[in-house]
Amino acid sequence: ITGPVAAYSVPASIGELTITLSSIVNKDTVFAPNVLVFDQNMTPA
């Protein structure tokens, strides 16, 4: 992992989830995202 990261918590009791992640191109540069999902006990899922 390099550079800054973003960390989100998502409610899981609202049913099945569709999560859209977008990374905007700024001129000639773009952040290439990777996403690691954890369950409520912070276990990678």
Full PDB file with SEQRES, HELIX, SHEET, SSBOND, CRYST1, ORIGX, SCALE, CONECT and MASTER records, all heavy atoms in Angstrom:
SEQRES   1 A   45  ILE THR GLY PRO VAL ALA ALA TYR SER VAL PRO ALA SER          
SEQRES   2 A   45  ILE GLY GLU LEU THR ILE THR LEU SER SER ILE VAL ASN          
SEQRES   3 A   45  LYS ASP THR VAL PHE ALA PRO ASN VAL LEU VAL PHE ASP          
SEQRES   4 A   45  GLN ASN MET THR PRO ALA                                      
CRYST1    1.000    1.000    1.000  90.00  90.00  90.00 P 1           1          
ORIGX1      1.000000  0.000000  0.000000        0.00000                         
ORIGX2      0.000000  1.000000  0.000000        0.00000                         
ORIGX3      0.000000  0.000000  1.000000        0.00000                         
SCALE1      1.000000  0.000000  0.000000        0.00000                         
SCALE2      0.000000  1.000000  0.000000        0.00000                         
SCALE3      0.000000  0.000000  1.000000        0.00000                         
ATOM      1  N   ILE A   1       0.844  -1.194   0.000  1.00  0.00           N  
ATOM      2  CA  ILE A   1       0.000   0.000   0.000  1.00  0.00           C  
ATOM      3  C   ILE A   1       0.884   1.250   0.000  1.00  0.00           C  
ATOM      4  O   ILE A   1       1.851   1.346   0.746  1.00  0.00           O  
ATOM      5  CB  ILE A   1      -0.936   0.012   1.217  1.00  0.00           C  
ATOM      6  CG1 ILE A   1      -1.918  -1.161   1.114  1.00  0.00           C  
ATOM      7  CG2 ILE A   1      -1.702   1.327   1.326  1.00  0.00           C  
ATOM      8  CD1 ILE A   1      -2.831  -1.296   2.317  1.00  0.00           C  
ATOM      9  N   THR A   2       0.516   2.208  -0.842  1.00  0.00           N  
ATOM     10  CA  THR A   2       1.281   3.448  -0.894  1.00  0.00           C  
ATOM     11  C   THR A   2       0.336   4.645  -0.953  1.00  0.00           C  
ATOM     12  O   THR A   2      -0.755   4.558  -1.511  1.00  0.00           O  
ATOM     13  CB  THR A   2       2.216   3.464  -2.122  1.00  0.00           C  
ATOM     14  OG1 THR A   2       3.016   4.642  -2.107  1.00  0.00           O  
ATOM     15  CG2 THR A   2       1.430   3.425  -3.420  1.00  0.00           C  
ATOM     16  N   GLY A   3       0.776   5.756  -0.359  1.00  0.00           N  
ATOM     17  CA  GLY A   3      -0.040   6.967  -0.390  1.00  0.00           C  
ATOM     18  C   GLY A   3      -1.207   6.906   0.586  1.00  0.00           C  
ATOM     19  O   GLY A   3      -1.381   5.944   1.331  1.00  0.00           O  
ATOM     20  N   PRO A   4      -2.047   7.946   0.577  1.00  0.00           N  
ATOM     21  CA  PRO A   4      -3.185   8.009   1.504  1.00  0.00           C  
ATOM     22  C   PRO A   4      -4.263   6.978   1.163  1.00  0.00           C  
ATOM     23  O   PRO A   4      -4.391   6.535   0.018  1.00  0.00           O  
ATOM     24  CB  PRO A   4      -3.708   9.437   1.315  1.00  0.00           C  
ATOM     25  CG  PRO A   4      -3.254   9.840  -0.053  1.00  0.00           C  
ATOM     26  CD  PRO A   4      -1.949   9.151  -0.264  1.00  0.00           C  
ATOM     27  N   VAL A   5      -5.033   6.611   2.189  1.00  0.00           N  
ATOM     28  CA  VAL A   5      -6.119   5.649   2.027  1.00  0.00           C  
ATOM     29  C   VAL A   5      -7.420   6.275   2.520  1.00  0.00           C  
ATOM     30  O   VAL A   5      -7.418   7.303   3.206  1.00  0.00           O  
ATOM     31  CB  VAL A   5      -5.853   4.342   2.811  1.00  0.00           C  
ATOM     32  CG1 VAL A   5      -4.529   3.728   2.377  1.00  0.00           C  
ATOM     33  CG2 VAL A   5      -5.860   4.601   4.317  1.00  0.00           C  
ATOM     34  N   ALA A   6      -8.534   5.650   2.171  1.00  0.00           N  
ATOM     35  CA  ALA A   6      -9.848   6.065   2.670  1.00  0.00           C  
ATOM     36  C   ALA A   6     -10.479   4.871   3.362  1.00  0.00           C  
ATOM     37  O   ALA A   6     -10.372   3.732   2.884  1.00  0.00           O  
ATOM     38  CB  ALA A   6     -10.746   6.554   1.530  1.00  0.00           C  
ATOM     39  N   ALA A   7     -11.142   5.112   4.493  1.00  0.00           N  
ATOM     40  CA  ALA A   7     -11.747   4.043   5.284  1.00  0.00           C  
ATOM     41  C   ALA A   7     -13.213   4.384   5.548  1.00  0.00           C  
ATOM     42  O   ALA A   7     -13.523   5.466   6.040  1.00  0.00           O  
ATOM     43  CB  ALA A   7     -10.996   3.860   6.606  1.00  0.00           C  
ATOM     44  N   TYR A   8     -14.105   3.455   5.200  1.00  0.00           N  
ATOM     45  CA  TYR A   8     -15.541   3.695   5.337  1.00  0.00           C  
ATOM     46  C   TYR A   8     -16.197   2.588   6.165  1.00  0.00           C  
ATOM     47  O   TYR A   8     -15.774   1.429   6.114  1.00  0.00           O  
ATOM     48  CB  TYR A   8     -16.221   3.730   3.967  1.00  0.00           C  
ATOM     49  CG  TYR A   8     -15.663   4.738   3.004  1.00  0.00           C  
ATOM     50  CD1 TYR A   8     -14.840   4.344   1.951  1.00  0.00           C  
ATOM     51  CD2 TYR A   8     -15.954   6.098   3.123  1.00  0.00           C  
ATOM     52  CE1 TYR A   8     -14.325   5.269   1.050  1.00  0.00           C  
ATOM     53  CE2 TYR A   8     -15.444   7.027   2.228  1.00  0.00           C  
ATOM     54  CZ  TYR A   8     -14.632   6.599   1.192  1.00  0.00           C  
ATOM     55  OH  TYR A   8     -14.120   7.516   0.306  1.00  0.00           O  
ATOM     56  N   SER A   9     -17.232   2.953   6.903  1.00  0.00           N  
ATOM     57  CA  SER A   9     -18.075   1.962   7.557  1.00  0.00           C  
ATOM     58  C   SER A   9     -19.458   2.056   6.924  1.00  0.00           C  
ATOM     59  O   SER A   9     -19.987   3.147   6.728  1.00  0.00           O  
ATOM     60  CB  SER A   9     -18.132   2.194   9.067  1.00  0.00           C  
ATOM     61  OG  SER A   9     -19.125   3.121   9.419  1.00  0.00           O  
ATOM     62  N   VAL A  10     -20.020   0.888   6.582  1.00  0.00           N  
ATOM     63  CA  VAL A  10     -21.284   0.818   5.865  1.00  0.00           C  
ATOM     64  C   VAL A  10     -22.288   0.039   6.694  1.00  0.00           C  
ATOM     65  O   VAL A  10     -21.955  -1.038   7.206  1.00  0.00           O  
ATOM     66  CB  VAL A  10     -21.093   0.124   4.493  1.00  0.00           C  
ATOM     67  CG1 VAL A  10     -22.411   0.029   3.744  1.00  0.00           C  
ATOM     68  CG2 VAL A  10     -20.050   0.872   3.670  1.00  0.00           C  
ATOM     69  N   PRO A  11     -23.508   0.533   6.860  1.00  0.00           N  
ATOM     70  CA  PRO A  11     -24.507  -0.228   7.613  1.00  0.00           C  
ATOM     71  C   PRO A  11     -24.830  -1.537   6.903  1.00  0.00           C  
ATOM     72  O   PRO A  11     -25.058  -1.558   5.691  1.00  0.00           O  
ATOM     73  CB  PRO A  11     -25.720   0.718   7.654  1.00  0.00           C  
ATOM     74  CG  PRO A  11     -25.521   1.652   6.496  1.00  0.00           C  
ATOM     75  CD  PRO A  11     -24.046   1.814   6.355  1.00  0.00           C  
ATOM     76  N   ALA A  12     -24.818  -2.643   7.661  1.00  0.00           N  
ATOM     77  CA  ALA A  12     -25.048  -3.954   7.059  1.00  0.00           C  
ATOM     78  C   ALA A  12     -26.421  -4.518   7.401  1.00  0.00           C  
ATOM     79  O   ALA A  12     -26.757  -5.613   6.972  1.00  0.00           O  
ATOM     80  CB  ALA A  12     -23.964  -4.929   7.532  1.00  0.00           C  
ATOM     81  N   SER A  13     -27.213  -3.784   8.158  1.00  0.00           N  
ATOM     82  CA  SER A  13     -28.518  -4.286   8.577  1.00  0.00           C  
ATOM     83  C   SER A  13     -29.642  -3.756   7.697  1.00  0.00           C  
ATOM     84  O   SER A  13     -30.813  -3.873   8.044  1.00  0.00           O  
ATOM     85  CB  SER A  13     -28.782  -3.884  10.040  1.00  0.00           C  
ATOM     86  OG  SER A  13     -28.691  -2.475  10.198  1.00  0.00           O  
ATOM     87  N   ILE A  14     -29.299  -3.151   6.545  1.00  0.00           N  
ATOM     88  CA  ILE A  14     -30.327  -2.578   5.670  1.00  0.00           C  
ATOM     89  C   ILE A  14     -30.601  -3.479   4.467  1.00  0.00           C  
ATOM     90  O   ILE A  14     -31.294  -3.096   3.549  1.00  0.00           O  
ATOM     91  CB  ILE A  14     -29.908  -1.174   5.182  1.00  0.00           C  
ATOM     92  CG1 ILE A  14     -28.568  -1.223   4.434  1.00  0.00           C  
ATOM     93  CG2 ILE A  14     -29.836  -0.201   6.335  1.00  0.00           C  
ATOM     94  CD1 ILE A  14     -28.144   0.114   3.851  1.00  0.00           C  
ATOM     95  N   GLY A  15     -30.021  -4.688   4.476  1.00  0.00           N  
ATOM     96  CA  GLY A  15     -30.261  -5.622   3.391  1.00  0.00           C  
ATOM     97  C   GLY A  15     -29.066  -5.758   2.477  1.00  0.00           C  
ATOM     98  O   GLY A  15     -27.954  -5.332   2.808  1.00  0.00           O  
ATOM     99  N   GLU A  16     -29.285  -6.363   1.324  1.00  0.00           N  
ATOM    100  CA  GLU A  16     -28.213  -6.568   0.363  1.00  0.00           C  
ATOM    101  C   GLU A  16     -27.759  -5.228  -0.208  1.00  0.00           C  
ATOM    102  O   GLU A  16     -28.561  -4.322  -0.399  1.00  0.00           O  
ATOM    103  CB  GLU A  16     -28.686  -7.503  -0.749  1.00  0.00           C  
ATOM    104  CG  GLU A  16     -29.060  -8.884  -0.215  1.00  0.00           C  
ATOM    105  CD  GLU A  16     -29.609  -9.786  -1.300  1.00  0.00           C  
ATOM    106  OE1 GLU A  16     -30.378  -9.288  -2.140  1.00  0.00           O  
ATOM    107  OE2 GLU A  16     -29.269 -10.972  -1.301  1.00  0.00           O  
ATOM    108  N   LEU A  17     -26.464  -5.121  -0.487  1.00  0.00           N  
ATOM    109  CA  LEU A  17     -25.878  -3.828  -0.827  1.00  0.00           C  
ATOM    110  C   LEU A  17     -25.285  -3.822  -2.236  1.00  0.00           C  
ATOM    111  O   LEU A  17     -24.644  -4.789  -2.657  1.00  0.00           O  
ATOM    112  CB  LEU A  17     -24.766  -3.482   0.172  1.00  0.00           C  
ATOM    113  CG  LEU A  17     -25.150  -3.485   1.651  1.00  0.00           C  
ATOM    114  CD1 LEU A  17     -23.902  -3.316   2.506  1.00  0.00           C  
ATOM    115  CD2 LEU A  17     -26.155  -2.392   1.946  1.00  0.00           C  
ATOM    116  N   THR A  18     -25.510  -2.736  -2.933  1.00  0.00           N  
ATOM    117  CA  THR A  18     -24.809  -2.450  -4.186  1.00  0.00           C  
ATOM    118  C   THR A  18     -23.994  -1.180  -3.961  1.00  0.00           C  
ATOM    119  O   THR A  18     -24.554  -0.117  -3.710  1.00  0.00           O  
ATOM    120  CB  THR A  18     -25.786  -2.242  -5.352  1.00  0.00           C  
ATOM    121  OG1 THR A  18     -26.489  -3.460  -5.597  1.00  0.00           O  
ATOM    122  CG2 THR A  18     -25.043  -1.851  -6.619  1.00  0.00           C  
ATOM    123  N   ILE A  19     -22.681  -1.311  -4.011  1.00  0.00           N  
ATOM    124  CA  ILE A  19     -21.781  -0.201  -3.688  1.00  0.00           C  
ATOM    125  C   ILE A  19     -21.004   0.194  -4.934  1.00  0.00           C  
ATOM    126  O   ILE A  19     -20.288  -0.619  -5.518  1.00  0.00           O  
ATOM    127  CB  ILE A  19     -20.808  -0.597  -2.560  1.00  0.00           C  
ATOM    128  CG1 ILE A  19     -21.597  -1.022  -1.316  1.00  0.00           C  
ATOM    129  CG2 ILE A  19     -19.866   0.548  -2.239  1.00  0.00           C  
ATOM    130  CD1 ILE A  19     -20.725  -1.505  -0.180  1.00  0.00           C  
ATOM    131  N   THR A  20     -21.171   1.440  -5.362  1.00  0.00           N  
ATOM    132  CA  THR A  20     -20.477   1.951  -6.542  1.00  0.00           C  
ATOM    133  C   THR A  20     -19.338   2.867  -6.107  1.00  0.00           C  
ATOM    134  O   THR A  20     -19.568   3.858  -5.416  1.00  0.00           O  
ATOM    135  CB  THR A  20     -21.441   2.731  -7.453  1.00  0.00           C  
ATOM    136  OG1 THR A  20     -22.533   1.880  -7.832  1.00  0.00           O  
ATOM    137  CG2 THR A  20     -20.730   3.217  -8.707  1.00  0.00           C  
ATOM    138  N   LEU A  21     -18.128   2.525  -6.507  1.00  0.00           N  
ATOM    139  CA  LEU A  21     -16.952   3.346  -6.192  1.00  0.00           C  
ATOM    140  C   LEU A  21     -16.418   3.936  -7.487  1.00  0.00           C  
ATOM    141  O   LEU A  21     -16.168   3.213  -8.453  1.00  0.00           O  
ATOM    142  CB  LEU A  21     -15.872   2.512  -5.514  1.00  0.00           C  
ATOM    143  CG  LEU A  21     -14.569   3.277  -5.208  1.00  0.00           C  
ATOM    144  CD1 LEU A  21     -14.799   4.285  -4.090  1.00  0.00           C  
ATOM    145  CD2 LEU A  21     -13.449   2.320  -4.828  1.00  0.00           C  
ATOM    146  N   SER A  22     -16.254   5.266  -7.506  1.00  0.00           N  
ATOM    147  CA  SER A  22     -15.734   5.961  -8.684  1.00  0.00           C  
ATOM    148  C   SER A  22     -14.494   6.753  -8.308  1.00  0.00           C  
ATOM    149  O   SER A  22     -14.430   7.341  -7.224  1.00  0.00           O  
ATOM    150  CB  SER A  22     -16.792   6.914  -9.264  1.00  0.00           C  
ATOM    151  OG  SER A  22     -17.992   6.229  -9.568  1.00  0.00           O  
ATOM    152  N   SER A  23     -13.503   6.753  -9.202  1.00  0.00           N  
ATOM    153  CA  SER A  23     -12.288   7.543  -9.027  1.00  0.00           C  
ATOM    154  C   SER A  23     -12.164   8.472 -10.232  1.00  0.00           C  
ATOM    155  O   SER A  23     -12.018   8.010 -11.368  1.00  0.00           O  
ATOM    156  CB  SER A  23     -11.064   6.631  -8.917  1.00  0.00           C  
ATOM    157  OG  SER A  23      -9.884   7.402  -8.804  1.00  0.00           O  
ATOM    158  N   ILE A  24     -12.237   9.787  -9.990  1.00  0.00           N  
ATOM    159  CA  ILE A  24     -12.304  10.777 -11.062  1.00  0.00           C  
ATOM    160  C   ILE A  24     -10.915  11.063 -11.641  1.00  0.00           C  
ATOM    161  O   ILE A  24      -9.940  11.215 -10.905  1.00  0.00           O  
ATOM    162  CB  ILE A  24     -12.932  12.084 -10.555  1.00  0.00           C  
ATOM    163  CG1 ILE A  24     -14.275  11.798  -9.860  1.00  0.00           C  
ATOM    164  CG2 ILE A  24     -13.112  13.078 -11.689  1.00  0.00           C  
ATOM    165  CD1 ILE A  24     -15.287  11.101 -10.753  1.00  0.00           C  
ATOM    166  N   VAL A  25     -10.847  11.130 -12.967  1.00  0.00           N  
ATOM    167  CA  VAL A  25      -9.598  11.506 -13.637  1.00  0.00           C  
ATOM    168  C   VAL A  25      -9.416  13.022 -13.521  1.00  0.00           C  
ATOM    169  O   VAL A  25     -10.315  13.788 -13.860  1.00  0.00           O  
ATOM    170  CB  VAL A  25      -9.615  11.101 -15.119  1.00  0.00           C  
ATOM    171  CG1 VAL A  25      -8.336  11.574 -15.818  1.00  0.00           C  
ATOM    172  CG2 VAL A  25      -9.769   9.585 -15.257  1.00  0.00           C  
ATOM    173  N   ASN A  26      -8.265  13.440 -13.046  1.00  0.00           N  
ATOM    174  CA  ASN A  26      -7.944  14.863 -12.922  1.00  0.00           C  
ATOM    175  C   ASN A  26      -6.840  15.194 -13.923  1.00  0.00           C  
ATOM    176  O   ASN A  26      -5.684  14.864 -13.713  1.00  0.00           O  
ATOM    177  CB  ASN A  26      -7.493  15.189 -11.494  1.00  0.00           C  
ATOM    178  CG  ASN A  26      -7.188  16.662 -11.312  1.00  0.00           C  
ATOM    179  OD1 ASN A  26      -7.530  17.493 -12.153  1.00  0.00           O  
ATOM    180  ND2 ASN A  26      -6.539  16.999 -10.212  1.00  0.00           N  
ATOM    181  N   LYS A  27      -7.254  15.786 -15.047  1.00  0.00           N  
ATOM    182  CA  LYS A  27      -6.330  16.097 -16.143  1.00  0.00           C  
ATOM    183  C   LYS A  27      -5.709  14.810 -16.671  1.00  0.00           C  
ATOM    184  O   LYS A  27      -6.351  14.046 -17.342  1.00  0.00           O  
ATOM    185  CB  LYS A  27      -5.287  17.114 -15.688  1.00  0.00           C  
ATOM    186  CG  LYS A  27      -5.887  18.465 -15.310  1.00  0.00           C  
ATOM    187  CD  LYS A  27      -4.819  19.447 -14.886  1.00  0.00           C  
ATOM    188  CE  LYS A  27      -5.425  20.797 -14.512  1.00  0.00           C  
ATOM    189  NZ  LYS A  27      -4.406  21.762 -14.072  1.00  0.00           N  
ATOM    190  N   ASP A  28      -4.454  14.541 -16.331  1.00  0.00           N  
ATOM    191  CA  ASP A  28      -3.804  13.335 -16.842  1.00  0.00           C  
ATOM    192  C   ASP A  28      -3.404  12.396 -15.713  1.00  0.00           C  
ATOM    193  O   ASP A  28      -2.488  11.584 -15.852  1.00  0.00           O  
ATOM    194  CB  ASP A  28      -2.573  13.700 -17.669  1.00  0.00           C  
ATOM    195  CG  ASP A  28      -1.524  14.455 -16.851  1.00  0.00           C  
ATOM    196  OD1 ASP A  28      -1.841  14.876 -15.710  1.00  0.00           O  
ATOM    197  OD2 ASP A  28      -0.391  14.629 -17.337  1.00  0.00           O  
ATOM    198  N   THR A  29      -4.100  12.475 -14.576  1.00  0.00           N  
ATOM    199  CA  THR A  29      -3.790  11.633 -13.422  1.00  0.00           C  
ATOM    200  C   THR A  29      -5.070  11.029 -12.860  1.00  0.00           C  
ATOM    201  O   THR A  29      -6.113  11.681 -12.826  1.00  0.00           O  
ATOM    202  CB  THR A  29      -3.084  12.446 -12.317  1.00  0.00           C  
ATOM    203  OG1 THR A  29      -1.924  13.080 -12.858  1.00  0.00           O  
ATOM    204  CG2 THR A  29      -2.670  11.545 -11.163  1.00  0.00           C  
ATOM    205  N   VAL A  30      -4.966   9.784 -12.384  1.00  0.00           N  
ATOM    206  CA  VAL A  30      -6.123   9.140 -11.760  1.00  0.00           C  
ATOM    207  C   VAL A  30      -5.639   8.211 -10.649  1.00  0.00           C  
ATOM    208  O   VAL A  30      -4.552   7.623 -10.742  1.00  0.00           O  
ATOM    209  CB  VAL A  30      -6.954   8.351 -12.803  1.00  0.00           C  
ATOM    210  CG1 VAL A  30      -6.171   7.177 -13.366  1.00  0.00           C  
ATOM    211  CG2 VAL A  30      -8.267   7.872 -12.198  1.00  0.00           C  
ATOM    212  N   PHE A  31      -6.423   8.113  -9.606  1.00  0.00           N  
ATOM    213  CA  PHE A  31      -6.152   7.207  -8.486  1.00  0.00           C  
ATOM    214  C   PHE A  31      -6.741   5.842  -8.839  1.00  0.00           C  
ATOM    215  O   PHE A  31      -7.939   5.724  -9.100  1.00  0.00           O  
ATOM    216  CB  PHE A  31      -6.788   7.763  -7.208  1.00  0.00           C  
ATOM    217  CG  PHE A  31      -6.633   6.887  -5.991  1.00  0.00           C  
ATOM    218  CD1 PHE A  31      -5.489   6.947  -5.215  1.00  0.00           C  
ATOM    219  CD2 PHE A  31      -7.644   6.012  -5.612  1.00  0.00           C  
ATOM    220  CE1 PHE A  31      -5.345   6.155  -4.078  1.00  0.00           C  
ATOM    221  CE2 PHE A  31      -7.524   5.225  -4.485  1.00  0.00           C  
ATOM    222  CZ  PHE A  31      -6.361   5.293  -3.724  1.00  0.00           C  
ATOM    223  N   ALA A  32      -5.904   4.796  -8.883  1.00  0.00           N  
ATOM    224  CA  ALA A  32      -6.368   3.438  -9.207  1.00  0.00           C  
ATOM    225  C   ALA A  32      -6.753   2.727  -7.908  1.00  0.00           C  
ATOM    226  O   ALA A  32      -5.882   2.275  -7.162  1.00  0.00           O  
ATOM    227  CB  ALA A  32      -5.277   2.661  -9.934  1.00  0.00           C  
ATOM    228  N   PRO A  33      -8.050   2.612  -7.609  1.00  0.00           N  
ATOM    229  CA  PRO A  33      -8.461   2.095  -6.297  1.00  0.00           C  
ATOM    230  C   PRO A  33      -8.413   0.575  -6.195  1.00  0.00           C  
ATOM    231  O   PRO A  33      -8.625  -0.150  -7.173  1.00  0.00           O  
ATOM    232  CB  PRO A  33      -9.906   2.592  -6.181  1.00  0.00           C  
ATOM    233  CG  PRO A  33     -10.384   2.649  -7.592  1.00  0.00           C  
ATOM    234  CD  PRO A  33      -9.190   3.031  -8.430  1.00  0.00           C  
ATOM    235  N   ASN A  34      -8.096   0.104  -5.010  1.00  0.00           N  
ATOM    236  CA  ASN A  34      -8.287  -1.276  -4.588  1.00  0.00           C  
ATOM    237  C   ASN A  34      -9.206  -1.212  -3.371  1.00  0.00           C  
ATOM    238  O   ASN A  34      -9.124  -0.257  -2.587  1.00  0.00           O  
ATOM    239  CB  ASN A  34      -6.970  -1.938  -4.162  1.00  0.00           C  
ATOM    240  CG  ASN A  34      -5.942  -2.016  -5.278  1.00  0.00           C  
ATOM    241  OD1 ASN A  34      -5.662  -3.064  -5.811  1.00  0.00           O  
ATOM    242  ND2 ASN A  34      -5.351  -0.863  -5.628  1.00  0.00           N  
ATOM    243  N   VAL A  35     -10.062  -2.204  -3.174  1.00  0.00           N  
ATOM    244  CA  VAL A  35     -10.971  -2.202  -2.028  1.00  0.00           C  
ATOM    245  C   VAL A  35     -10.876  -3.531  -1.294  1.00  0.00           C  
ATOM    246  O   VAL A  35     -11.054  -4.599  -1.891  1.00  0.00           O  
ATOM    247  CB  VAL A  35     -12.427  -1.944  -2.461  1.00  0.00           C  
ATOM    248  CG1 VAL A  35     -13.364  -2.045  -1.250  1.00  0.00           C  
ATOM    249  CG2 VAL A  35     -12.563  -0.580  -3.107  1.00  0.00           C  
ATOM    250  N   LEU A  36     -10.593  -3.442  -0.002  1.00  0.00           N  
ATOM    251  CA  LEU A  36     -10.595  -4.610   0.876  1.00  0.00           C  
ATOM    252  C   LEU A  36     -11.792  -4.491   1.807  1.00  0.00           C  
ATOM    253  O   LEU A  36     -11.945  -3.485   2.497  1.00  0.00           O  
ATOM    254  CB  LEU A  36      -9.287  -4.675   1.670  1.00  0.00           C  
ATOM    255  CG  LEU A  36      -9.013  -5.939   2.494  1.00  0.00           C  
ATOM    256  CD1 LEU A  36      -9.105  -7.195   1.632  1.00  0.00           C  
ATOM    257  CD2 LEU A  36      -7.631  -5.856   3.145  1.00  0.00           C  
ATOM    258  N   VAL A  37     -12.668  -5.503   1.788  1.00  0.00           N  
ATOM    259  CA  VAL A  37     -13.903  -5.481   2.581  1.00  0.00           C  
ATOM    260  C   VAL A  37     -13.712  -6.320   3.836  1.00  0.00           C  
ATOM    261  O   VAL A  37     -13.216  -7.461   3.764  1.00  0.00           O  
ATOM    262  CB  VAL A  37     -15.091  -6.034   1.761  1.00  0.00           C  
ATOM    263  CG1 VAL A  37     -16.378  -5.994   2.583  1.00  0.00           C  
ATOM    264  CG2 VAL A  37     -15.255  -5.245   0.468  1.00  0.00           C  
ATOM    265  N   PHE A  38     -14.106  -5.771   4.984  1.00  0.00           N  
ATOM    266  CA  PHE A  38     -14.030  -6.477   6.262  1.00  0.00           C  
ATOM    267  C   PHE A  38     -15.431  -6.673   6.823  1.00  0.00           C  
ATOM    268  O   PHE A  38     -16.319  -5.832   6.616  1.00  0.00           O  
ATOM    269  CB  PHE A  38     -13.205  -5.674   7.281  1.00  0.00           C  
ATOM    270  CG  PHE A  38     -11.788  -5.405   6.862  1.00  0.00           C  
ATOM    271  CD1 PHE A  38     -11.479  -4.287   6.105  1.00  0.00           C  
ATOM    272  CD2 PHE A  38     -10.762  -6.252   7.231  1.00  0.00           C  
ATOM    273  CE1 PHE A  38     -10.178  -4.020   5.710  1.00  0.00           C  
ATOM    274  CE2 PHE A  38      -9.454  -6.004   6.838  1.00  0.00           C  
ATOM    275  CZ  PHE A  38      -9.157  -4.880   6.084  1.00  0.00           C  
ATOM    276  N   ASP A  39     -15.628  -7.771   7.574  1.00  0.00           N  
ATOM    277  CA  ASP A  39     -16.907  -7.945   8.251  1.00  0.00           C  
ATOM    278  C   ASP A  39     -16.896  -7.145   9.545  1.00  0.00           C  
ATOM    279  O   ASP A  39     -15.972  -6.379   9.822  1.00  0.00           O  
ATOM    280  CB  ASP A  39     -17.211  -9.427   8.475  1.00  0.00           C  
ATOM    281  CG  ASP A  39     -16.282 -10.081   9.502  1.00  0.00           C  
ATOM    282  OD1 ASP A  39     -15.477  -9.371  10.148  1.00  0.00           O  
ATOM    283  OD2 ASP A  39     -16.368 -11.308   9.677  1.00  0.00           O  
ATOM    284  N   GLN A  40     -17.929  -7.321  10.369  1.00  0.00           N  
ATOM    285  CA  GLN A  40     -18.064  -6.483  11.560  1.00  0.00           C  
ATOM    286  C   GLN A  40     -16.963  -6.741  12.593  1.00  0.00           C  
ATOM    287  O   GLN A  40     -16.742  -5.926  13.489  1.00  0.00           O  
ATOM    288  CB  GLN A  40     -19.427  -6.702  12.207  1.00  0.00           C  
ATOM    289  CG  GLN A  40     -19.623  -8.078  12.825  1.00  0.00           C  
ATOM    290  CD  GLN A  40     -20.970  -8.187  13.521  1.00  0.00           C  
ATOM    291  OE1 GLN A  40     -21.799  -7.297  13.421  1.00  0.00           O  
ATOM    292  NE2 GLN A  40     -21.176  -9.284  14.225  1.00  0.00           N  
ATOM    293  N   ASN A  41     -16.259  -7.866  12.491  1.00  0.00           N  
ATOM    294  CA  ASN A  41     -15.164  -8.158  13.407  1.00  0.00           C  
ATOM    295  C   ASN A  41     -13.799  -7.816  12.809  1.00  0.00           C  
ATOM    296  O   ASN A  41     -12.774  -8.268  13.307  1.00  0.00           O  
ATOM    297  CB  ASN A  41     -15.202  -9.643  13.799  1.00  0.00           C  
ATOM    298  CG  ASN A  41     -16.455  -9.991  14.554  1.00  0.00           C  
ATOM    299  OD1 ASN A  41     -16.916  -9.219  15.387  1.00  0.00           O  
ATOM    300  ND2 ASN A  41     -17.042 -11.141  14.248  1.00  0.00           N  
ATOM    301  N   MET A  42     -13.828  -7.045  11.699  1.00  0.00           N  
ATOM    302  CA  MET A  42     -12.615  -6.628  11.008  1.00  0.00           C  
ATOM    303  C   MET A  42     -11.825  -7.815  10.462  1.00  0.00           C  
ATOM    304  O   MET A  42     -10.599  -7.792  10.401  1.00  0.00           O  
ATOM    305  CB  MET A  42     -11.726  -5.771  11.924  1.00  0.00           C  
ATOM    306  CG  MET A  42     -12.371  -4.455  12.367  1.00  0.00           C  
ATOM    307  SD  MET A  42     -12.959  -3.450  10.978  1.00  0.00           S  
ATOM    308  CE  MET A  42     -11.422  -2.970  10.220  1.00  0.00           C  
ATOM    309  N   THR A  43     -12.536  -8.832  10.030  1.00  0.00           N  
ATOM    310  CA  THR A  43     -11.924  -9.970   9.352  1.00  0.00           C  
ATOM    311  C   THR A  43     -12.071  -9.764   7.845  1.00  0.00           C  
ATOM    312  O   THR A  43     -13.181  -9.498   7.377  1.00  0.00           O  
ATOM    313  CB  THR A  43     -12.620 -11.284   9.747  1.00  0.00           C  
ATOM    314  OG1 THR A  43     -12.520 -11.458  11.163  1.00  0.00           O  
ATOM    315  CG2 THR A  43     -11.975 -12.476   9.044  1.00  0.00           C  
ATOM    316  N   PRO A  44     -10.982  -9.866   7.061  1.00  0.00           N  
ATOM    317  CA  PRO A  44     -11.092  -9.674   5.610  1.00  0.00           C  
ATOM    318  C   PRO A  44     -12.106 -10.649   5.001  1.00  0.00           C  
ATOM    319  O   PRO A  44     -12.100 -11.840   5.327  1.00  0.00           O  
ATOM    320  CB  PRO A  44      -9.672  -9.960   5.107  1.00  0.00           C  
ATOM    321  CG  PRO A  44      -8.795  -9.688   6.290  1.00  0.00           C  
ATOM    322  CD  PRO A  44      -9.591 -10.118   7.488  1.00  0.00           C  
ATOM    323  N   ALA A  45     -12.987 -10.139   4.143  1.00  0.00           N  
ATOM    324  CA  ALA A  45     -14.042 -10.964   3.561  1.00  0.00           C  
ATOM    325  C   ALA A  45     -14.015 -10.962   2.036  1.00  0.00           C  
ATOM    326  O   ALA A  45     -14.432 -11.936   1.421  1.00  0.00           O  
ATOM    327  CB  ALA A  45     -15.415 -10.485   4.047  1.00  0.00           C  
TER     328      ALA A  45                                                      
MASTER        0    0    0    0    0    0    0    6  327    1    0    4          
END                                                                             
